[in-house]
Amino acid sequence: MSDRTYRHTVVLDWGTTGFSAALLDESGDVREVKTGDLGIQSVPNGEHQKVLSGELADWRARCGGLSIIASGMIGSRNGWIEMPYVPTPASAADLAAAARTIELPHGDTLTLLPGLTDRTAHPHSDVMRGEETQLVGFGLERDIVVVLPGTHTKWAELRGGQIHRFRTFVTSEVFNTVAHHSFLMKAAKGEASATGQAFLDGVKLAMDDSGRAGGLLTRLFSLRTAWLAGELEQQDMRSRLWGLVVGWEFREAREQNWFSPGDPIAVVGDDHLVDVYEVVVEAFGARLVSAGRDMAIKGAQAIFQHAAS
């Protein structure tokens, strides 16, 4: 790869509801970032190239032709070009082997990265698009469980230099649906916070093994009855709900043998959800492992370099 191409690399994460693009300097560090809410669901069929060209026009004017590395839902069935799912266990080289590079107008190239599938998941295969770059950026050389918080949170086991297996938990989507569109939270006021006692009380409710609290569905309804009984303030209802559903995710993960107390867990991401999940890792007695930021950018570069070698 020439210095010119490397100097003008753009790492693009184009999802369903938005996109993020990072322009890298010649050292591979982030120079500028663009974000927007023009996700693939808002782009008409056949218009992806036009939209992308327009979004990156000012960078191209200053830098010349761009080498764009794209991951996420842009490579899905509903995106620009459908990319395959690489089966686990998978290494960075395996992901690179399935990448595809096409020539674009104005001297740009676009390298689309594949997704990942775990065919051992039950009852059906699991999939991810985009999170695999975060895992590669974190590093596959350690044998460890990594949690990737998001709308659909992923738990992944790294083993022997590969992404060995993974599992999806739709925690944030469930929380947002219940918190803002359910009768249970009709009386709730304010937004959820993970920094107060109400959130921790929700985590404790998820951890309750006394046999008296019932399952998740019963515990969800108890948030409304706690308010009716005067035992929970309206402004704390969503925070306790947030703690309950994230705590329940960890409970399920523990029961599925993703971790035991004392085991190391790394939380990888670039937003406030990292802080939320780190609190719950420690609440469940696991050992939190530090992880840096911009893992998706580092991982996309690493996969691209494998593909180019």
C-alpha atoms as a PDB file:
ATOM      1  CA  MET A   1       0.000   0.000   0.000  1.00  0.00           C
ATOM      2  CA  SER A   2       1.418   3.380  -0.952  1.00  0.00           C
ATOM      3  CA  ASP A   3       1.839   6.237   1.500  1.00  0.00           C
ATOM      4  CA  ARG A   4      -0.618   8.271  -0.559  1.00  0.00           C
ATOM      5  CA  THR A   5      -3.375   5.662  -0.260  1.00  0.00           C
ATOM      6  CA  TYR A   6      -2.724   5.152   3.434  1.00  0.00           C
ATOM      7  CA  ARG A   7      -2.687   8.898   4.073  1.00  0.00           C
ATOM      8  CA  HIS A   8      -6.116   9.240   2.520  1.00  0.00           C
ATOM      9  CA  THR A   9      -7.865   6.306   4.169  1.00  0.00           C
ATOM     10  CA  VAL A  10     -11.443   6.747   5.364  1.00  0.00           C
ATOM     11  CA  VAL A  11     -13.021   4.253   7.774  1.00  0.00           C
ATOM     12  CA  LEU A  12     -16.793   4.211   7.339  1.00  0.00           C
ATOM     13  CA  ASP A  13     -19.372   2.651   9.646  1.00  0.00           C
ATOM     14  CA  TRP A  14     -22.682   2.998   7.804  1.00  0.00           C
ATOM     15  CA  GLY A  15     -25.579   1.589   9.761  1.00  0.00           C
ATOM     16  CA  THR A  16     -29.348   1.422   9.552  1.00  0.00           C
ATOM     17  CA  THR A  17     -30.053   4.837  11.076  1.00  0.00           C
ATOM     18  CA  GLY A  18     -26.780   6.746  10.731  1.00  0.00           C
ATOM     19  CA  PHE A  19     -23.181   6.743   9.672  1.00  0.00           C
ATOM     20  CA  SER A  20     -19.772   7.674  11.001  1.00  0.00           C
ATOM     21  CA  ALA A  21     -16.732   8.361   8.824  1.00  0.00           C
ATOM     22  CA  ALA A  22     -13.178   8.932  10.061  1.00  0.00           C
ATOM     23  CA  LEU A  23     -10.440  10.466   7.919  1.00  0.00           C
ATOM     24  CA  LEU A  24      -7.047   9.085   8.930  1.00  0.00           C
ATOM     25  CA  ASP A  25      -3.668  10.772   8.657  1.00  0.00           C
ATOM     26  CA  GLU A  26      -0.539   9.102   7.344  1.00  0.00           C
ATOM     27  CA  SER A  27       0.129   7.547  10.772  1.00  0.00           C
ATOM     28  CA  GLY A  28      -3.296   5.929  10.850  1.00  0.00           C
ATOM     29  CA  ASP A  29      -4.613   8.310  13.513  1.00  0.00           C
ATOM     30  CA  VAL A  30      -8.003   9.967  13.277  1.00  0.00           C
ATOM     31  CA  ARG A  31      -7.725  13.414  11.706  1.00  0.00           C
ATOM     32  CA  GLU A  32     -11.399  14.332  11.260  1.00  0.00           C
ATOM     33  CA  VAL A  33     -14.766  12.681  11.889  1.00  0.00           C
ATOM     34  CA  LYS A  34     -18.132  13.076  10.181  1.00  0.00           C
ATOM     35  CA  THR A  35     -21.358  11.741  11.642  1.00  0.00           C
ATOM     36  CA  GLY A  36     -24.907  11.932  10.391  1.00  0.00           C
ATOM     37  CA  ASP A  37     -28.355  10.401  10.679  1.00  0.00           C
ATOM     38  CA  LEU A  38     -28.625   9.444   7.003  1.00  0.00           C
ATOM     39  CA  GLY A  39     -28.644   5.679   7.567  1.00  0.00           C
ATOM     40  CA  ILE A  40     -29.166   3.103   4.860  1.00  0.00           C
ATOM     41  CA  GLN A  41     -32.897   2.959   5.582  1.00  0.00           C
ATOM     42  CA  SER A  42     -33.116   6.581   4.406  1.00  0.00           C
ATOM     43  CA  VAL A  43     -31.197   6.056   1.166  1.00  0.00           C
ATOM     44  CA  PRO A  44     -33.176   4.968  -1.940  1.00  0.00           C
ATOM     45  CA  ASN A  45     -31.977   1.866  -3.771  1.00  0.00           C
ATOM     46  CA  GLY A  46     -29.142   2.681  -6.136  1.00  0.00           C
ATOM     47  CA  GLU A  47     -28.336   6.017  -4.459  1.00  0.00           C
ATOM     48  CA  HIS A  48     -25.660   4.877  -1.971  1.00  0.00           C
ATOM     49  CA  GLN A  49     -22.731   5.838  -4.194  1.00  0.00           C
ATOM     50  CA  LYS A  50     -24.169   9.308  -4.853  1.00  0.00           C
ATOM     51  CA  VAL A  51     -24.876   9.916  -1.166  1.00  0.00           C
ATOM     52  CA  LEU A  52     -21.437   8.744  -0.047  1.00  0.00           C
ATOM     53  CA  SER A  53     -19.669  10.804  -2.705  1.00  0.00           C
ATOM     54  CA  GLY A  54     -21.497  13.910  -1.570  1.00  0.00           C
ATOM     55  CA  GLU A  55     -20.796  13.310   2.122  1.00  0.00           C
ATOM     56  CA  LEU A  56     -17.048  12.932   1.500  1.00  0.00           C
ATOM     57  CA  ALA A  57     -16.716  15.639  -1.183  1.00  0.00           C
ATOM     58  CA  ASP A  58     -14.774  18.130   0.954  1.00  0.00           C
ATOM     59  CA  TRP A  59     -12.248  15.497   2.054  1.00  0.00           C
ATOM     60  CA  ARG A  60     -11.776  14.426  -1.566  1.00  0.00           C
ATOM     61  CA  ALA A  61     -11.259  18.046  -2.650  1.00  0.00           C
ATOM     62  CA  ARG A  62      -8.419  18.421  -0.145  1.00  0.00           C
ATOM     63  CA  CYS A  63      -6.920  14.935  -0.264  1.00  0.00           C
ATOM     64  CA  GLY A  64      -7.638  13.567  -3.720  1.00  0.00           C
ATOM     65  CA  GLY A  65      -8.944  10.025  -4.223  1.00  0.00           C
ATOM     66  CA  LEU A  66      -9.966   8.256  -1.033  1.00  0.00           C
ATOM     67  CA  SER A  67      -9.487   4.651   0.047  1.00  0.00           C
ATOM     68  CA  ILE A  68     -12.741   3.929   1.894  1.00  0.00           C
ATOM     69  CA  ILE A  69     -13.086   0.933   4.211  1.00  0.00           C
ATOM     70  CA  ALA A  70     -16.747   0.264   4.989  1.00  0.00           C
ATOM     71  CA  SER A  71     -18.398  -1.960   7.564  1.00  0.00           C
ATOM     72  CA  GLY A  72     -21.840  -2.247   9.089  1.00  0.00           C
ATOM     73  CA  MET A  73     -25.277  -2.518   7.522  1.00  0.00           C
ATOM     74  CA  ILE A  74     -24.087  -0.943   4.277  1.00  0.00           C
ATOM     75  CA  GLY A  75     -22.994  -4.491   3.406  1.00  0.00           C
ATOM     76  CA  SER A  76     -26.324  -6.063   4.373  1.00  0.00           C
ATOM     77  CA  ARG A  77     -29.159  -7.319   2.197  1.00  0.00           C
ATOM     78  CA  ASN A  78     -30.804  -3.901   2.542  1.00  0.00           C
ATOM     79  CA  GLY A  79     -27.591  -1.971   1.890  1.00  0.00           C
ATOM     80  CA  TRP A  80     -25.390  -1.172  -1.084  1.00  0.00           C
ATOM     81  CA  ILE A  81     -23.787  -4.531  -1.883  1.00  0.00           C
ATOM     82  CA  GLU A  82     -24.647  -7.609   0.163  1.00  0.00           C
ATOM     83  CA  MET A  83     -21.508  -9.046   1.730  1.00  0.00           C
ATOM     84  CA  PRO A  84     -21.205 -12.611   3.017  1.00  0.00           C
ATOM     85  CA  TYR A  85     -21.138 -13.696   6.638  1.00  0.00           C
ATOM     86  CA  VAL A  86     -17.865 -15.377   7.611  1.00  0.00           C
ATOM     87  CA  PRO A  87     -18.512 -18.314   9.973  1.00  0.00           C
ATOM     88  CA  THR A  88     -16.902 -18.535  13.394  1.00  0.00           C
ATOM     89  CA  PRO A  89     -14.301 -19.326  14.504  1.00  0.00           C
ATOM     90  CA  ALA A  90     -12.751 -16.572  12.396  1.00  0.00           C
ATOM     91  CA  SER A  91      -9.488 -14.630  12.376  1.00  0.00           C
ATOM     92  CA  ALA A  92      -8.724 -11.205  10.940  1.00  0.00           C
ATOM     93  CA  ALA A  93      -7.280 -12.956   7.882  1.00  0.00           C
ATOM     94  CA  ASP A  94     -10.525 -14.899   7.406  1.00  0.00           C
ATOM     95  CA  LEU A  95     -12.504 -11.654   7.430  1.00  0.00           C
ATOM     96  CA  ALA A  96     -10.035 -10.048   5.020  1.00  0.00           C
ATOM     97  CA  ALA A  97     -10.346 -12.952   2.589  1.00  0.00           C
ATOM     98  CA  ALA A  98     -14.064 -12.210   2.206  1.00  0.00           C
ATOM     99  CA  ALA A  99     -13.648  -8.445   1.713  1.00  0.00           C
ATOM    100  CA  ARG A 100     -14.454  -6.882  -1.665  1.00  0.00           C
ATOM    101  CA  THR A 101     -12.919  -3.773  -3.258  1.00  0.00           C
ATOM    102  CA  ILE A 102     -14.586  -1.813  -6.052  1.00  0.00           C
ATOM    103  CA  GLU A 103     -13.545   1.271  -7.993  1.00  0.00           C
ATOM    104  CA  LEU A 104     -15.654   4.408  -7.591  1.00  0.00           C
ATOM    105  CA  PRO A 105     -15.727   7.669  -9.560  1.00  0.00           C
ATOM    106  CA  HIS A 106     -13.339  10.526  -8.729  1.00  0.00           C
ATOM    107  CA  GLY A 107     -10.479   8.128  -7.959  1.00  0.00           C
ATOM    108  CA  ASP A 108     -12.045   6.596  -4.843  1.00  0.00           C
ATOM    109  CA  THR A 109     -11.990   2.893  -3.946  1.00  0.00           C
ATOM    110  CA  LEU A 110     -14.434   1.194  -1.616  1.00  0.00           C
ATOM    111  CA  THR A 111     -13.532  -1.911   0.357  1.00  0.00           C
ATOM    112  CA  LEU A 112     -16.593  -3.555   1.887  1.00  0.00           C
ATOM    113  CA  LEU A 113     -15.947  -5.788   4.880  1.00  0.00           C
ATOM    114  CA  PRO A 114     -17.997  -8.934   5.512  1.00  0.00           C
ATOM    115  CA  GLY A 115     -20.136  -9.742   8.513  1.00  0.00           C
ATOM    116  CA  LEU A 116     -19.767 -12.652  10.908  1.00  0.00           C
ATOM    117  CA  THR A 117     -22.088 -15.558  11.722  1.00  0.00           C
ATOM    118  CA  ASP A 118     -22.096 -18.071  14.568  1.00  0.00           C
ATOM    119  CA  ARG A 119     -23.834 -21.170  13.255  1.00  0.00           C
ATOM    120  CA  THR A 120     -23.511 -22.940  16.606  1.00  0.00           C
ATOM    121  CA  ALA A 121     -25.979 -20.535  18.239  1.00  0.00           C
ATOM    122  CA  HIS A 122     -29.347 -21.961  19.275  1.00  0.00           C
ATOM    123  CA  PRO A 123     -32.147 -21.936  18.195  1.00  0.00           C
ATOM    124  CA  HIS A 124     -30.847 -20.152  15.086  1.00  0.00           C
ATOM    125  CA  SER A 125     -27.553 -18.825  13.773  1.00  0.00           C
ATOM    126  CA  ASP A 126     -26.453 -15.458  15.162  1.00  0.00           C
ATOM    127  CA  VAL A 127     -25.018 -12.612  13.065  1.00  0.00           C
ATOM    128  CA  MET A 128     -23.121  -9.350  13.415  1.00  0.00           C
ATOM    129  CA  ARG A 129     -22.095  -6.586  11.015  1.00  0.00           C
ATOM    130  CA  GLY A 130     -19.586  -3.998  12.187  1.00  0.00           C
ATOM    131  CA  GLU A 131     -18.841  -5.300  15.682  1.00  0.00           C
ATOM    132  CA  GLU A 132     -16.255  -7.704  14.287  1.00  0.00           C
ATOM    133  CA  THR A 133     -14.031  -4.698  13.521  1.00  0.00           C
ATOM    134  CA  GLN A 134     -14.182  -3.711  17.203  1.00  0.00           C
ATOM    135  CA  LEU A 135     -13.090  -7.196  18.210  1.00  0.00           C
ATOM    136  CA  VAL A 136     -10.166  -7.199  15.783  1.00  0.00           C
ATOM    137  CA  GLY A 137      -9.200  -3.711  16.975  1.00  0.00           C
ATOM    138  CA  PHE A 138      -9.278  -4.859  20.587  1.00  0.00           C
ATOM    139  CA  GLY A 139      -6.954  -7.714  19.647  1.00  0.00           C
ATOM    140  CA  LEU A 140      -7.602 -11.407  19.109  1.00  0.00           C
ATOM    141  CA  GLU A 141      -4.428 -12.580  20.817  1.00  0.00           C
ATOM    142  CA  ARG A 142      -6.034 -12.774  24.284  1.00  0.00           C
ATOM    143  CA  ASP A 143      -8.404 -15.512  25.415  1.00  0.00           C
ATOM    144  CA  ILE A 144     -11.174 -13.418  26.933  1.00  0.00           C
ATOM    145  CA  VAL A 145     -14.887 -12.565  26.781  1.00  0.00           C
ATOM    146  CA  VAL A 146     -15.646  -9.158  25.269  1.00  0.00           C
ATOM    147  CA  VAL A 147     -18.945  -7.295  25.617  1.00  0.00           C
ATOM    148  CA  LEU A 148     -19.891  -4.851  22.845  1.00  0.00           C
ATOM    149  CA  PRO A 149     -22.790  -2.682  24.118  1.00  0.00           C
ATOM    150  CA  GLY A 150     -25.267  -1.312  21.612  1.00  0.00           C
ATOM    151  CA  THR A 151     -28.872  -1.469  20.516  1.00  0.00           C
ATOM    152  CA  HIS A 152     -28.176  -5.174  20.059  1.00  0.00           C
ATOM    153  CA  THR A 153     -25.351  -5.979  22.466  1.00  0.00           C
ATOM    154  CA  LYS A 154     -22.886  -8.686  21.495  1.00  0.00           C
ATOM    155  CA  TRP A 155     -20.986 -11.024  23.799  1.00  0.00           C
ATOM    156  CA  ALA A 156     -17.990 -12.594  22.067  1.00  0.00           C
ATOM    157  CA  GLU A 157     -15.432 -15.151  23.163  1.00  0.00           C
ATOM    158  CA  LEU A 158     -11.913 -14.692  21.801  1.00  0.00           C
ATOM    159  CA  ARG A 159      -9.797 -17.818  21.782  1.00  0.00           C
ATOM    160  CA  GLY A 160      -6.632 -18.882  20.001  1.00  0.00           C
ATOM    161  CA  GLY A 161      -6.365 -15.755  17.845  1.00  0.00           C
ATOM    162  CA  GLN A 162      -9.943 -16.100  16.582  1.00  0.00           C
ATOM    163  CA  ILE A 163     -13.449 -14.882  17.304  1.00  0.00           C
ATOM    164  CA  HIS A 164     -14.590 -18.234  18.629  1.00  0.00           C
ATOM    165  CA  ARG A 165     -18.306 -17.595  19.241  1.00  0.00           C
ATOM    166  CA  PHE A 166     -20.739 -14.783  20.006  1.00  0.00           C
ATOM    167  CA  ARG A 167     -24.270 -14.095  21.198  1.00  0.00           C
ATOM    168  CA  THR A 168     -26.673 -11.172  20.748  1.00  0.00           C
ATOM    169  CA  PHE A 169     -28.828  -9.621  23.493  1.00  0.00           C
ATOM    170  CA  VAL A 170     -31.462  -7.103  22.363  1.00  0.00           C
ATOM    171  CA  THR A 171     -31.261  -5.294  25.708  1.00  0.00           C
ATOM    172  CA  SER A 172     -31.277  -1.649  24.623  1.00  0.00           C
ATOM    173  CA  GLU A 173     -34.069  -2.192  22.107  1.00  0.00           C
ATOM    174  CA  VAL A 174     -36.226  -3.865  24.763  1.00  0.00           C
ATOM    175  CA  PHE A 175     -35.449  -1.083  27.243  1.00  0.00           C
ATOM    176  CA  ASN A 176     -36.351   1.691  24.795  1.00  0.00           C
ATOM    177  CA  THR A 177     -39.573  -0.029  23.784  1.00  0.00           C
ATOM    178  CA  VAL A 178     -40.740  -0.629  27.348  1.00  0.00           C
ATOM    179  CA  ALA A 179     -39.475   2.720  28.660  1.00  0.00           C
ATOM    180  CA  HIS A 180     -41.234   4.855  26.064  1.00  0.00           C
ATOM    181  CA  HIS A 181     -44.029   2.790  24.509  1.00  0.00           C
ATOM    182  CA  SER A 182     -45.496   0.626  27.268  1.00  0.00           C
ATOM    183  CA  PHE A 183     -48.265   0.951  29.826  1.00  0.00           C
ATOM    184  CA  LEU A 184     -45.777  -0.165  32.500  1.00  0.00           C
ATOM    185  CA  MET A 185     -43.870   3.119  32.223  1.00  0.00           C
ATOM    186  CA  LYS A 186     -46.846   5.381  31.533  1.00  0.00           C
ATOM    187  CA  ALA A 187     -46.353   7.124  34.897  1.00  0.00           C
ATOM    188  CA  ALA A 188     -42.561   7.443  34.532  1.00  0.00           C
ATOM    189  CA  LYS A 189     -40.952  10.870  34.414  1.00  0.00           C
ATOM    190  CA  GLY A 190     -37.503  11.876  33.167  1.00  0.00           C
ATOM    191  CA  GLU A 191     -34.909   9.777  31.414  1.00  0.00           C
ATOM    192  CA  ALA A 192     -32.956   6.801  32.705  1.00  0.00           C
ATOM    193  CA  SER A 193     -29.659   7.288  34.491  1.00  0.00           C
ATOM    194  CA  ALA A 194     -27.076   4.662  35.365  1.00  0.00           C
ATOM    195  CA  THR A 195     -25.333   6.815  37.972  1.00  0.00           C
ATOM    196  CA  GLY A 196     -27.838   6.653  40.816  1.00  0.00           C
ATOM    197  CA  GLN A 197     -29.204   4.172  43.326  1.00  0.00           C
ATOM    198  CA  ALA A 198     -32.317   3.430  41.258  1.00  0.00           C
ATOM    199  CA  PHE A 199     -30.188   1.860  38.514  1.00  0.00           C
ATOM    200  CA  LEU A 200     -28.249  -0.233  41.036  1.00  0.00           C
ATOM    201  CA  ASP A 201     -31.519  -1.329  42.638  1.00  0.00           C
ATOM    202  CA  GLY A 202     -32.629  -2.537  39.209  1.00  0.00           C
ATOM    203  CA  VAL A 203     -29.420  -4.546  38.827  1.00  0.00           C
ATOM    204  CA  LYS A 204     -29.988  -6.053  42.283  1.00  0.00           C
ATOM    205  CA  LEU A 205     -33.535  -6.964  41.275  1.00  0.00           C
ATOM    206  CA  ALA A 206     -32.141  -8.846  38.286  1.00  0.00           C
ATOM    207  CA  MET A 207     -29.643 -10.629  40.536  1.00  0.00           C
ATOM    208  CA  ASP A 208     -32.260 -11.721  43.081  1.00  0.00           C
ATOM    209  CA  ASP A 209     -32.012 -15.522  43.346  1.00  0.00           C
ATOM    210  CA  SER A 210     -34.338 -15.879  46.323  1.00  0.00           C
ATOM    211  CA  GLY A 211     -36.992 -17.600  44.217  1.00  0.00           C
ATOM    212  CA  ARG A 212     -39.616 -15.059  45.288  1.00  0.00           C
ATOM    213  CA  ALA A 213     -39.124 -12.443  42.556  1.00  0.00           C
ATOM    214  CA  GLY A 214     -40.255 -14.591  39.622  1.00  0.00           C
ATOM    215  CA  GLY A 215     -38.867 -14.265  36.111  1.00  0.00           C
ATOM    216  CA  LEU A 216     -38.161 -11.225  33.986  1.00  0.00           C
ATOM    217  CA  LEU A 217     -41.800 -10.650  33.011  1.00  0.00           C
ATOM    218  CA  THR A 218     -42.915 -10.606  36.635  1.00  0.00           C
ATOM    219  CA  ARG A 219     -40.081  -8.305  37.643  1.00  0.00           C
ATOM    220  CA  LEU A 220     -40.957  -5.879  34.861  1.00  0.00           C
ATOM    221  CA  PHE A 221     -44.507  -5.552  36.132  1.00  0.00           C
ATOM    222  CA  SER A 222     -43.221  -5.031  39.683  1.00  0.00           C
ATOM    223  CA  LEU A 223     -41.814  -1.659  38.581  1.00  0.00           C
ATOM    224  CA  ARG A 224     -45.342  -0.394  38.060  1.00  0.00           C
ATOM    225  CA  THR A 225     -46.695  -1.886  41.295  1.00  0.00           C
ATOM    226  CA  ALA A 226     -43.731  -0.419  43.199  1.00  0.00           C
ATOM    227  CA  TRP A 227     -44.861   3.026  42.026  1.00  0.00           C
ATOM    228  CA  LEU A 228     -48.504   2.294  42.893  1.00  0.00           C
ATOM    229  CA  ALA A 229     -47.434   1.230  46.389  1.00  0.00           C
ATOM    230  CA  GLY A 230     -45.427   4.413  46.891  1.00  0.00           C
ATOM    231  CA  GLU A 231     -42.148   2.463  46.978  1.00  0.00           C
ATOM    232  CA  LEU A 232     -40.677   3.895  43.765  1.00  0.00           C
ATOM    233  CA  GLU A 233     -40.623   7.509  42.627  1.00  0.00           C
ATOM    234  CA  GLN A 234     -41.807   8.360  39.119  1.00  0.00           C
ATOM    235  CA  GLN A 235     -38.444   9.904  38.215  1.00  0.00           C
ATOM    236  CA  ASP A 236     -36.692   6.657  39.201  1.00  0.00           C
ATOM    237  CA  MET A 237     -38.858   4.229  37.250  1.00  0.00           C
ATOM    238  CA  ARG A 238     -36.883   4.266  33.983  1.00  0.00           C
ATOM    239  CA  SER A 239     -33.547   4.092  35.807  1.00  0.00           C
ATOM    240  CA  ARG A 240     -34.633   1.000  37.718  1.00  0.00           C
ATOM    241  CA  LEU A 241     -35.950  -0.496  34.477  1.00  0.00           C
ATOM    242  CA  TRP A 242     -32.588   0.183  32.821  1.00  0.00           C
ATOM    243  CA  GLY A 243     -30.751  -1.551  35.652  1.00  0.00           C
ATOM    244  CA  LEU A 244     -33.138  -4.500  35.528  1.00  0.00           C
ATOM    245  CA  VAL A 245     -32.808  -5.205  31.805  1.00  0.00           C
ATOM    246  CA  VAL A 246     -29.023  -4.771  31.673  1.00  0.00           C
ATOM    247  CA  GLY A 247     -28.707  -6.830  34.841  1.00  0.00           C
ATOM    248  CA  TRP A 248     -30.925  -9.509  33.305  1.00  0.00           C
ATOM    249  CA  GLU A 249     -28.644  -9.617  30.269  1.00  0.00           C
ATOM    250  CA  PHE A 250     -25.721 -10.396  32.559  1.00  0.00           C
ATOM    251  CA  ARG A 251     -27.771 -12.959  34.445  1.00  0.00           C
ATOM    252  CA  GLU A 252     -28.621 -14.755  31.202  1.00  0.00           C
ATOM    253  CA  ALA A 253     -24.985 -14.551  30.052  1.00  0.00           C
ATOM    254  CA  ARG A 254     -23.809 -16.057  33.335  1.00  0.00           C
ATOM    255  CA  GLU A 255     -26.379 -18.860  33.086  1.00  0.00           C
ATOM    256  CA  GLN A 256     -25.213 -19.532  29.525  1.00  0.00           C
ATOM    257  CA  ASN A 257     -21.635 -19.939  30.838  1.00  0.00           C
ATOM    258  CA  TRP A 258     -20.214 -16.789  29.317  1.00  0.00           C
ATOM    259  CA  PHE A 259     -18.581 -15.922  32.635  1.00  0.00           C
ATOM    260  CA  SER A 260     -18.330 -16.790  36.299  1.00  0.00           C
ATOM    261  CA  PRO A 261     -17.486 -14.499  39.245  1.00  0.00           C
ATOM    262  CA  GLY A 262     -13.825 -13.479  39.029  1.00  0.00           C
ATOM    263  CA  ASP A 263     -13.527 -14.057  35.288  1.00  0.00           C
ATOM    264  CA  PRO A 264     -12.098 -11.226  33.138  1.00  0.00           C
ATOM    265  CA  ILE A 265     -14.514  -9.310  30.910  1.00  0.00           C
ATOM    266  CA  ALA A 266     -13.626  -6.428  28.578  1.00  0.00           C
ATOM    267  CA  VAL A 267     -16.239  -3.855  27.554  1.00  0.00           C
ATOM    268  CA  VAL A 268     -15.505  -2.340  24.138  1.00  0.00           C
ATOM    269  CA  GLY A 269     -17.256   0.669  22.628  1.00  0.00           C
ATOM    270  CA  ASP A 270     -17.155   4.424  22.148  1.00  0.00           C
ATOM    271  CA  ASP A 271     -20.215   5.803  23.914  1.00  0.00           C
ATOM    272  CA  HIS A 272     -21.867   6.111  27.320  1.00  0.00           C
ATOM    273  CA  LEU A 273     -22.981   2.479  27.267  1.00  0.00           C
ATOM    274  CA  VAL A 274     -19.416   1.432  28.071  1.00  0.00           C
ATOM    275  CA  ASP A 275     -19.647   3.132  31.463  1.00  0.00           C
ATOM    276  CA  VAL A 276     -23.035   1.536  32.103  1.00  0.00           C
ATOM    277  CA  TYR A 277     -21.811  -1.963  31.323  1.00  0.00           C
ATOM    278  CA  GLU A 278     -18.617  -1.553  33.303  1.00  0.00           C
ATOM    279  CA  VAL A 279     -20.712  -0.859  36.409  1.00  0.00           C
ATOM    280  CA  VAL A 280     -22.689  -4.059  35.869  1.00  0.00           C
ATOM    281  CA  VAL A 281     -19.570  -6.157  35.187  1.00  0.00           C
ATOM    282  CA  GLU A 282     -18.313  -5.264  38.658  1.00  0.00           C
ATOM    283  CA  ALA A 283     -21.742  -5.711  40.252  1.00  0.00           C
ATOM    284  CA  PHE A 284     -21.769  -9.315  39.029  1.00  0.00           C
ATOM    285  CA  GLY A 285     -18.332  -9.962  40.508  1.00  0.00           C
ATOM    286  CA  ALA A 286     -16.425 -10.289  37.229  1.00  0.00           C
ATOM    287  CA  ARG A 287     -13.000  -8.693  36.731  1.00  0.00           C
ATOM    288  CA  LEU A 288     -13.156  -5.638  34.461  1.00  0.00           C
ATOM    289  CA  VAL A 289     -10.397  -5.424  31.836  1.00  0.00           C
ATOM    290  CA  SER A 290      -9.544  -2.008  30.430  1.00  0.00           C
ATOM    291  CA  ALA A 291     -10.148  -1.407  26.729  1.00  0.00           C
ATOM    292  CA  GLY A 292      -9.260   1.627  24.617  1.00  0.00           C
ATOM    293  CA  ARG A 293     -11.431   3.663  22.294  1.00  0.00           C
ATOM    294  CA  ASP A 294     -11.599   3.705  18.481  1.00  0.00           C
ATOM    295  CA  MET A 295     -11.367  -0.097  18.334  1.00  0.00           C
ATOM    296  CA  ALA A 296     -13.591  -0.233  15.230  1.00  0.00           C
ATOM    297  CA  ILE A 297     -11.237   2.068  13.323  1.00  0.00           C
ATOM    298  CA  LYS A 298      -8.160   0.067  14.334  1.00  0.00           C
ATOM    299  CA  GLY A 299      -9.872  -3.195  13.475  1.00  0.00           C
ATOM    300  CA  ALA A 300     -11.051  -2.011  10.064  1.00  0.00           C
ATOM    301  CA  GLN A 301      -7.508  -0.920   9.252  1.00  0.00           C
ATOM    302  CA  ALA A 302      -6.107  -4.265  10.373  1.00  0.00           C
ATOM    303  CA  ILE A 303      -8.578  -6.248   8.253  1.00  0.00           C
ATOM    304  CA  PHE A 304      -7.904  -3.975   5.262  1.00  0.00           C
ATOM    305  CA  GLN A 305      -4.151  -4.433   5.614  1.00  0.00           C
ATOM    306  CA  HIS A 306      -4.609  -8.216   5.637  1.00  0.00           C
ATOM    307  CA  ALA A 307      -6.713  -7.945   2.483  1.00  0.00           C
ATOM    308  CA  ALA A 308      -4.130  -5.747   0.760  1.00  0.00           C
ATOM    309  CA  SER A 309      -1.131  -7.943   1.622  1.00  0.00           C
END
